[in-house]
């Protein structure tokens, strides 16, 4: 008879165990939610960084294009001055700048 009494779990202990399990499940759910939020924030951050990098690259390419155009214009002006062409002869100058033969 003593064995039967020892094998029975008191109701208060069982309730405490259930609460422990429930608390642990709640903690796991909260951790999973937090993980999903962090993953989403990380993905958003990566997308923003990618977009900024793309804009930076476009700006760099645009600056390079402008530098090349400026150099071409400077070269055309220098050639114009060296050749002693008339400054009134704008048509030939424009053709030279725009890739014509002058």
Protein backbone atom coordinates (compact mmCIF):
# COMPACT_ATOMS: atom_id res chain seq x y z
CA UNK A 1 0.00 0.00 0.00
CA UNK A 2 2.86 2.27 0.69
CA UNK A 3 4.05 1.83 -2.91
CA UNK A 4 0.76 3.07 -4.32
CA UNK A 5 0.96 6.18 -2.19
CA UNK A 6 4.53 6.87 -3.33
CA UNK A 7 3.70 6.39 -7.02
CA UNK A 8 0.92 8.94 -7.01
CA UNK A 9 2.07 12.42 -7.96
CA UNK A 10 0.61 15.24 -5.99
CA UNK A 11 -1.72 17.48 -8.02
CA UNK A 12 0.29 20.61 -7.16
CA UNK A 13 3.49 19.10 -8.59
CA UNK A 14 1.76 18.06 -11.82
CA UNK A 15 0.35 21.57 -12.25
CA UNK A 16 3.80 23.07 -11.73
CA UNK A 17 5.29 20.75 -14.35
CA UNK A 18 2.59 21.69 -16.88
CA UNK A 19 3.24 25.35 -16.22
CA UNK A 20 6.98 24.80 -16.69
CA UNK A 21 6.39 23.10 -20.03
CA UNK A 22 3.99 25.85 -21.13
CA UNK A 23 6.47 28.55 -20.11
CA UNK A 24 9.22 26.79 -22.03
CA UNK A 25 7.03 26.54 -25.16
CA UNK A 26 6.14 30.23 -24.85
CA UNK A 27 9.82 31.10 -24.51
CA UNK A 28 10.64 29.08 -27.64
CA UNK A 29 7.84 30.78 -29.60
CA UNK A 30 9.08 34.21 -28.52
CA UNK A 31 12.63 33.28 -29.54
CA UNK A 32 11.38 32.13 -32.96
CA UNK A 33 9.45 35.39 -33.43
CA UNK A 34 12.53 37.37 -32.50
CA UNK A 35 14.64 35.32 -34.91
CA UNK A 36 12.16 35.97 -37.76
CA UNK A 37 12.14 39.71 -36.99
CA UNK A 38 15.93 39.81 -36.99
CA UNK A 39 16.13 37.85 -40.25
CA UNK A 40 13.64 40.25 -41.85
CA UNK A 41 15.61 43.26 -40.60
CA UNK A 42 18.82 41.73 -41.91
CA UNK A 43 17.26 41.13 -45.34
CA UNK A 44 15.95 44.70 -45.42
CA UNK A 45 19.35 46.02 -44.44
CA UNK A 46 21.04 43.96 -47.15
CA UNK A 47 18.57 45.25 -49.75
CA UNK A 48 19.21 48.85 -48.70
CA UNK A 49 22.98 48.35 -48.80
CA UNK A 50 22.72 46.76 -52.24
CA UNK A 51 20.63 49.65 -53.52
CA UNK A 52 23.08 52.20 -52.12
CA UNK A 53 26.02 50.33 -53.64
CA UNK A 54 24.26 50.30 -57.01
CA UNK A 55 23.62 54.06 -56.79
CA UNK A 56 27.24 54.62 -55.80
CA UNK A 57 28.42 52.61 -58.83
CA UNK A 58 26.08 54.55 -61.15
CA UNK A 59 27.36 57.85 -59.73
CA UNK A 60 30.95 56.70 -60.25
CA UNK A 61 30.20 55.71 -63.86
CA UNK A 62 28.46 59.04 -64.50
CA UNK A 63 31.44 60.94 -63.06
CA UNK A 64 33.80 58.94 -65.25
CA UNK A 65 31.66 59.72 -68.31
CA UNK A 66 31.65 63.43 -67.43
CA UNK A 67 35.42 63.37 -66.91
CA UNK A 68 35.91 61.76 -70.32
CA UNK A 69 33.61 64.30 -71.97
CA UNK A 70 35.45 67.14 -70.25
CA UNK A 71 38.79 65.76 -71.40
CA UNK A 72 37.49 65.44 -74.97
CA UNK A 73 36.26 69.04 -74.93
CA UNK A 74 39.56 70.25 -73.49
CA UNK A 75 41.43 68.33 -76.18
CA UNK A 76 39.20 69.80 -78.88
CA UNK A 77 39.74 73.31 -77.57
CA UNK A 78 43.49 72.76 -77.39
CA UNK A 79 43.57 71.46 -80.96
CA UNK A 80 41.43 74.38 -82.07
CA UNK A 81 43.86 76.84 -80.50
CA UNK A 82 46.95 75.00 -81.78
CA UNK A 83 45.64 74.84 -85.31
CA UNK A 84 44.84 78.53 -85.15
CA UNK A 85 41.38 78.04 -86.54
CA UNK A 86 39.01 80.97 -86.58
CA UNK A 87 36.78 81.17 -83.52
CA UNK A 88 33.94 82.14 -85.87
CA UNK A 89 34.11 78.70 -87.44
CA UNK A 90 31.84 77.13 -84.81
CA UNK A 91 30.41 74.52 -87.20
CA UNK A 92 33.70 72.70 -87.61
CA UNK A 93 34.37 72.92 -83.86
CA UNK A 94 30.99 71.36 -83.05
CA UNK A 95 31.59 68.60 -85.57
CA UNK A 96 34.94 67.85 -83.97
CA UNK A 97 33.53 67.75 -80.44
CA UNK A 98 30.62 65.53 -81.47
CA UNK A 99 32.88 63.03 -83.20
CA UNK A 100 32.95 64.48 -86.71
CA UNK A 101 36.07 64.82 -88.79
CA UNK A 102 36.09 68.65 -88.57
